């Protein structure tokens, strides 16, 4: 593989991270690059690793998923070399992000994890973020690993309705307190 190809793969990754206001996961980045046939998984992984080693991106591990953020140095590098990305590739990125933006955001901003607690129990933490600000963070103690896993797995699908329910219930409580008693 030539250095020019590896540079292009790096620029595509930087370009994608620059076009969203949330982190992207390894699988989200690789899905685009591999589905479009730009390179192999090994070349993609090499580009990702070199970007991180150079400080152009930084990663964070959340529930066995690595999320990548663009650093100021990465933004500066992209600004200098973005012209090397063809308009066709940019259009592919824009199309992918337009079609998948809600799914991509939900994957990284709505998440749940669990960890061992006291007495062979598990603590499940369910979180909703919006632009890196916490909207909701719930911790639930459950007695079994199966229950912890089940809650984590269903959180992605049910988080919005749970959030809406909690807000409505808490708002109704406030209204009930303000009503005069008979």
C-alpha atoms as a PDB file:
ATOM      1  CA  UNK A   1       0.000   0.000   0.000  1.00  0.00           C
ATOM      2  CA  UNK A   2       1.347   3.403  -0.908  1.00  0.00           C
ATOM      3  CA  UNK A   3       1.734   6.280   1.504  1.00  0.00           C
ATOM      4  CA  UNK A   4      -0.694   8.313  -0.629  1.00  0.00           C
ATOM      5  CA  UNK A   5      -3.422   5.701  -0.133  1.00  0.00           C
ATOM      6  CA  UNK A   6      -2.844   5.538   3.612  1.00  0.00           C
ATOM      7  CA  UNK A   7      -2.933   9.347   3.766  1.00  0.00           C
ATOM      8  CA  UNK A   8      -6.267   9.341   1.925  1.00  0.00           C
ATOM      9  CA  UNK A   9      -7.766   6.806   4.380  1.00  0.00           C
ATOM     10  CA  UNK A  10      -6.610   8.969   7.281  1.00  0.00           C
ATOM     11  CA  UNK A  11      -8.116  12.072   5.698  1.00  0.00           C
ATOM     12  CA  UNK A  12     -11.443  10.290   5.147  1.00  0.00           C
ATOM     13  CA  UNK A  13     -11.544   9.360   8.841  1.00  0.00           C
ATOM     14  CA  UNK A  14     -10.697  12.923   9.890  1.00  0.00           C
ATOM     15  CA  UNK A  15     -13.270  14.291   7.434  1.00  0.00           C
ATOM     16  CA  UNK A  16     -16.000  12.039   8.841  1.00  0.00           C
ATOM     17  CA  UNK A  17     -15.198  12.967  12.445  1.00  0.00           C
ATOM     18  CA  UNK A  18     -15.199  16.656  11.495  1.00  0.00           C
ATOM     19  CA  UNK A  19     -18.670  16.442   9.937  1.00  0.00           C
ATOM     20  CA  UNK A  20     -20.454  15.206  13.077  1.00  0.00           C
ATOM     21  CA  UNK A  21     -20.832  16.757  16.518  1.00  0.00           C
ATOM     22  CA  UNK A  22     -20.484  13.445  18.348  1.00  0.00           C
ATOM     23  CA  UNK A  23     -17.872  10.684  18.400  1.00  0.00           C
ATOM     24  CA  UNK A  24     -17.931   7.800  15.934  1.00  0.00           C
ATOM     25  CA  UNK A  25     -17.128   4.202  16.774  1.00  0.00           C
ATOM     26  CA  UNK A  26     -14.637   1.931  15.069  1.00  0.00           C
ATOM     27  CA  UNK A  27     -17.477  -0.026  13.507  1.00  0.00           C
ATOM     28  CA  UNK A  28     -19.238   3.118  12.242  1.00  0.00           C
ATOM     29  CA  UNK A  29     -16.077   4.382  10.567  1.00  0.00           C
ATOM     30  CA  UNK A  30     -15.118   0.986   9.169  1.00  0.00           C
ATOM     31  CA  UNK A  31     -18.648   0.299   7.933  1.00  0.00           C
ATOM     32  CA  UNK A  32     -18.472   3.330   5.665  1.00  0.00           C
ATOM     33  CA  UNK A  33     -14.915   2.795   4.426  1.00  0.00           C
ATOM     34  CA  UNK A  34     -15.263  -0.952   3.893  1.00  0.00           C
ATOM     35  CA  UNK A  35     -18.778  -0.852   2.402  1.00  0.00           C
ATOM     36  CA  UNK A  36     -17.592   1.700  -0.148  1.00  0.00           C
ATOM     37  CA  UNK A  37     -14.637  -0.545  -0.962  1.00  0.00           C
ATOM     38  CA  UNK A  38     -12.042   2.144  -0.322  1.00  0.00           C
ATOM     39  CA  UNK A  39      -9.652  -0.228   1.445  1.00  0.00           C
ATOM     40  CA  UNK A  40      -9.296  -3.406   3.483  1.00  0.00           C
ATOM     41  CA  UNK A  41      -9.943  -3.701   7.191  1.00  0.00           C
ATOM     42  CA  UNK A  42      -6.218  -3.976   7.931  1.00  0.00           C
ATOM     43  CA  UNK A  43      -5.386  -0.781   6.051  1.00  0.00           C
ATOM     44  CA  UNK A  44      -8.283   0.985   7.749  1.00  0.00           C
ATOM     45  CA  UNK A  45      -7.058  -0.185  11.161  1.00  0.00           C
ATOM     46  CA  UNK A  46      -3.510   0.964  10.367  1.00  0.00           C
ATOM     47  CA  UNK A  47      -4.782   4.420   9.386  1.00  0.00           C
ATOM     48  CA  UNK A  48      -6.855   4.645  12.576  1.00  0.00           C
ATOM     49  CA  UNK A  49      -3.936   3.591  14.784  1.00  0.00           C
ATOM     50  CA  UNK A  50      -1.530   6.031  13.147  1.00  0.00           C
ATOM     51  CA  UNK A  51      -4.021   8.885  13.533  1.00  0.00           C
ATOM     52  CA  UNK A  52      -4.333   8.137  17.236  1.00  0.00           C
ATOM     53  CA  UNK A  53      -0.563   7.779  17.725  1.00  0.00           C
ATOM     54  CA  UNK A  54      -0.062  11.152  16.023  1.00  0.00           C
ATOM     55  CA  UNK A  55      -2.639  12.778  18.321  1.00  0.00           C
ATOM     56  CA  UNK A  56      -5.057  13.649  15.493  1.00  0.00           C
ATOM     57  CA  UNK A  57      -7.842  11.626  17.100  1.00  0.00           C
ATOM     58  CA  UNK A  58      -8.373  10.282  20.585  1.00  0.00           C
ATOM     59  CA  UNK A  59     -10.342   7.272  21.680  1.00  0.00           C
ATOM     60  CA  UNK A  60     -12.488   6.426  24.642  1.00  0.00           C
ATOM     61  CA  UNK A  61     -13.747   2.961  25.575  1.00  0.00           C
ATOM     62  CA  UNK A  62     -17.419   2.741  26.535  1.00  0.00           C
ATOM     63  CA  UNK A  63     -18.972  -0.705  27.122  1.00  0.00           C
ATOM     64  CA  UNK A  64     -16.524  -2.538  24.897  1.00  0.00           C
ATOM     65  CA  UNK A  65     -16.951   0.045  22.121  1.00  0.00           C
ATOM     66  CA  UNK A  66     -14.187   2.419  21.114  1.00  0.00           C
ATOM     67  CA  UNK A  67     -15.391   5.918  20.260  1.00  0.00           C
ATOM     68  CA  UNK A  68     -13.198   8.386  18.386  1.00  0.00           C
ATOM     69  CA  UNK A  69     -13.070  12.167  18.697  1.00  0.00           C
ATOM     70  CA  UNK A  70     -11.273  14.619  16.439  1.00  0.00           C
ATOM     71  CA  UNK A  71      -8.565  16.608  18.250  1.00  0.00           C
ATOM     72  CA  UNK A  72      -7.629  20.216  17.437  1.00  0.00           C
ATOM     73  CA  UNK A  73      -4.439  18.859  15.825  1.00  0.00           C
ATOM     74  CA  UNK A  74      -6.526  16.542  13.672  1.00  0.00           C
ATOM     75  CA  UNK A  75      -8.756  19.423  12.619  1.00  0.00           C
ATOM     76  CA  UNK A  76      -5.684  21.458  11.694  1.00  0.00           C
ATOM     77  CA  UNK A  77      -4.256  18.582   9.624  1.00  0.00           C
ATOM     78  CA  UNK A  78      -7.590  18.124   7.865  1.00  0.00           C
ATOM     79  CA  UNK A  79      -7.783  21.842   7.064  1.00  0.00           C
ATOM     80  CA  UNK A  80      -4.329  21.669   5.468  1.00  0.00           C
ATOM     81  CA  UNK A  81      -4.922  18.531   3.380  1.00  0.00           C
ATOM     82  CA  UNK A  82      -8.671  18.271   2.810  1.00  0.00           C
ATOM     83  CA  UNK A  83      -8.120  19.190  -0.846  1.00  0.00           C
ATOM     84  CA  UNK A  84      -6.677  15.676  -1.333  1.00  0.00           C
ATOM     85  CA  UNK A  85     -10.138  14.140  -0.771  1.00  0.00           C
ATOM     86  CA  UNK A  86     -12.006  13.956  -4.078  1.00  0.00           C
ATOM     87  CA  UNK A  87     -15.468  15.539  -4.385  1.00  0.00           C
ATOM     88  CA  UNK A  88     -16.890  12.057  -5.073  1.00  0.00           C
ATOM     89  CA  UNK A  89     -15.580  10.711  -1.756  1.00  0.00           C
ATOM     90  CA  UNK A  90     -16.882  13.795   0.069  1.00  0.00           C
ATOM     91  CA  UNK A  91     -20.290  13.226  -1.532  1.00  0.00           C
ATOM     92  CA  UNK A  92     -20.195   9.594  -0.365  1.00  0.00           C
ATOM     93  CA  UNK A  93     -19.443  10.761   3.193  1.00  0.00           C
ATOM     94  CA  UNK A  94     -22.233  13.356   3.119  1.00  0.00           C
ATOM     95  CA  UNK A  95     -24.724  10.789   1.788  1.00  0.00           C
ATOM     96  CA  UNK A  96     -23.750   8.253   4.427  1.00  0.00           C
ATOM     97  CA  UNK A  97     -23.958  10.767   7.265  1.00  0.00           C
ATOM     98  CA  UNK A  98     -27.284  12.175   6.037  1.00  0.00           C
ATOM     99  CA  UNK A  99     -28.797   8.702   5.795  1.00  0.00           C
ATOM    100  CA  UNK A 100     -27.355   7.371   9.059  1.00  0.00           C
ATOM    101  CA  UNK A 101     -26.910  10.415  11.304  1.00  0.00           C
ATOM    102  CA  UNK A 102     -29.721   9.583  13.738  1.00  0.00           C
ATOM    103  CA  UNK A 103     -28.606   5.947  14.043  1.00  0.00           C
ATOM    104  CA  UNK A 104     -24.967   6.952  14.399  1.00  0.00           C
ATOM    105  CA  UNK A 105     -25.781   9.510  17.104  1.00  0.00           C
ATOM    106  CA  UNK A 106     -28.020   7.110  19.016  1.00  0.00           C
ATOM    107  CA  UNK A 107     -25.313   4.447  19.062  1.00  0.00           C
ATOM    108  CA  UNK A 108     -22.895   6.741  20.886  1.00  0.00           C
ATOM    109  CA  UNK A 109     -25.246   8.980  22.877  1.00  0.00           C
ATOM    110  CA  UNK A 110     -27.600   6.320  24.206  1.00  0.00           C
ATOM    111  CA  UNK A 111     -25.737   3.571  25.992  1.00  0.00           C
ATOM    112  CA  UNK A 112     -25.861   1.262  28.972  1.00  0.00           C
ATOM    113  CA  UNK A 113     -23.232  -0.649  30.850  1.00  0.00           C
ATOM    114  CA  UNK A 114     -23.053  -2.818  33.947  1.00  0.00           C
ATOM    115  CA  UNK A 115     -20.483  -3.736  36.524  1.00  0.00           C
ATOM    116  CA  UNK A 116     -20.339  -5.995  39.581  1.00  0.00           C
ATOM    117  CA  UNK A 117     -21.817  -4.581  42.782  1.00  0.00           C
ATOM    118  CA  UNK A 118     -21.978  -5.966  46.310  1.00  0.00           C
ATOM    119  CA  UNK A 119     -23.218  -9.452  47.184  1.00  0.00           C
ATOM    120  CA  UNK A 120     -23.049 -10.954  43.660  1.00  0.00           C
ATOM    121  CA  UNK A 121     -25.346  -8.287  42.261  1.00  0.00           C
ATOM    122  CA  UNK A 122     -24.832  -5.953  39.311  1.00  0.00           C
ATOM    123  CA  UNK A 123     -25.171  -2.218  38.897  1.00  0.00           C
ATOM    124  CA  UNK A 124     -26.600  -1.180  35.524  1.00  0.00           C
ATOM    125  CA  UNK A 125     -25.995   2.373  34.358  1.00  0.00           C
ATOM    126  CA  UNK A 126     -28.231   3.678  31.553  1.00  0.00           C
ATOM    127  CA  UNK A 127     -27.299   7.027  30.005  1.00  0.00           C
ATOM    128  CA  UNK A 128     -28.629   9.469  27.428  1.00  0.00           C
ATOM    129  CA  UNK A 129     -26.304  12.212  26.222  1.00  0.00           C
ATOM    130  CA  UNK A 130     -26.966  15.126  23.920  1.00  0.00           C
ATOM    131  CA  UNK A 131     -23.930  16.942  22.544  1.00  0.00           C
ATOM    132  CA  UNK A 132     -21.812  15.456  25.346  1.00  0.00           C
ATOM    133  CA  UNK A 133     -24.195  16.754  28.046  1.00  0.00           C
ATOM    134  CA  UNK A 134     -25.983  14.215  30.238  1.00  0.00           C
ATOM    135  CA  UNK A 135     -29.778  14.282  29.815  1.00  0.00           C
ATOM    136  CA  UNK A 136     -30.455  11.205  31.903  1.00  0.00           C
ATOM    137  CA  UNK A 137     -28.281   8.875  33.948  1.00  0.00           C
ATOM    138  CA  UNK A 138     -29.977   6.041  35.814  1.00  0.00           C
ATOM    139  CA  UNK A 139     -28.342   3.385  37.975  1.00  0.00           C
ATOM    140  CA  UNK A 140     -30.270   0.223  38.774  1.00  0.00           C
ATOM    141  CA  UNK A 141     -29.127  -2.593  41.052  1.00  0.00           C
ATOM    142  CA  UNK A 142     -30.148  -6.026  39.739  1.00  0.00           C
ATOM    143  CA  UNK A 143     -29.544  -9.489  41.193  1.00  0.00           C
ATOM    144  CA  UNK A 144     -28.340 -11.372  38.094  1.00  0.00           C
ATOM    145  CA  UNK A 145     -25.979 -10.950  35.172  1.00  0.00           C
ATOM    146  CA  UNK A 146     -28.787 -11.973  32.793  1.00  0.00           C
ATOM    147  CA  UNK A 147     -30.962  -9.109  34.023  1.00  0.00           C
ATOM    148  CA  UNK A 148     -28.093  -6.638  33.702  1.00  0.00           C
ATOM    149  CA  UNK A 149     -27.405  -7.773  30.146  1.00  0.00           C
ATOM    150  CA  UNK A 150     -31.098  -7.675  29.219  1.00  0.00           C
ATOM    151  CA  UNK A 151     -31.485  -4.102  30.503  1.00  0.00           C
ATOM    152  CA  UNK A 152     -28.375  -2.959  28.617  1.00  0.00           C
ATOM    153  CA  UNK A 153     -29.571  -4.603  25.423  1.00  0.00           C
ATOM    154  CA  UNK A 154     -33.059  -3.051  25.566  1.00  0.00           C
ATOM    155  CA  UNK A 155     -31.942   0.445  26.650  1.00  0.00           C
ATOM    156  CA  UNK A 156     -31.100   1.535  23.087  1.00  0.00           C
ATOM    157  CA  UNK A 157     -34.652   0.805  21.877  1.00  0.00           C
ATOM    158  CA  UNK A 158     -36.597   1.953  24.918  1.00  0.00           C
ATOM    159  CA  UNK A 159     -34.591   4.902  26.238  1.00  0.00           C
ATOM    160  CA  UNK A 160     -36.627   7.619  24.528  1.00  0.00           C
ATOM    161  CA  UNK A 161     -39.958   6.344  25.818  1.00  0.00           C
ATOM    162  CA  UNK A 162     -38.497   5.868  29.319  1.00  0.00           C
ATOM    163  CA  UNK A 163     -37.096   9.410  29.262  1.00  0.00           C
ATOM    164  CA  UNK A 164     -40.458  10.811  28.097  1.00  0.00           C
ATOM    165  CA  UNK A 165     -42.304   8.832  30.781  1.00  0.00           C
ATOM    166  CA  UNK A 166     -40.020  10.060  33.568  1.00  0.00           C
ATOM    167  CA  UNK A 167     -40.263  13.684  32.491  1.00  0.00           C
ATOM    168  CA  UNK A 168     -44.064  13.508  32.239  1.00  0.00           C
ATOM    169  CA  UNK A 169     -44.370  11.796  35.623  1.00  0.00           C
ATOM    170  CA  UNK A 170     -42.110  14.319  37.316  1.00  0.00           C
ATOM    171  CA  UNK A 171     -43.891  17.237  35.647  1.00  0.00           C
ATOM    172  CA  UNK A 172     -47.291  15.880  36.760  1.00  0.00           C
ATOM    173  CA  UNK A 173     -45.992  15.552  40.306  1.00  0.00           C
ATOM    174  CA  UNK A 174     -45.027  19.224  40.263  1.00  0.00           C
ATOM    175  CA  UNK A 175     -48.528  20.206  39.017  1.00  0.00           C
ATOM    176  CA  UNK A 176     -50.192  18.034  41.689  1.00  0.00           C
ATOM    177  CA  UNK A 177     -48.213  19.783  44.419  1.00  0.00           C
ATOM    178  CA  UNK A 178     -49.353  23.193  43.185  1.00  0.00           C
ATOM    179  CA  UNK A 179     -53.075  22.339  43.176  1.00  0.00           C
ATOM    180  CA  UNK A 180     -54.964  23.414  46.329  1.00  0.00           C
ATOM    181  CA  UNK A 181     -56.201  20.628  48.576  1.00  0.00           C
ATOM    182  CA  UNK A 182     -59.989  20.318  49.174  1.00  0.00           C
END
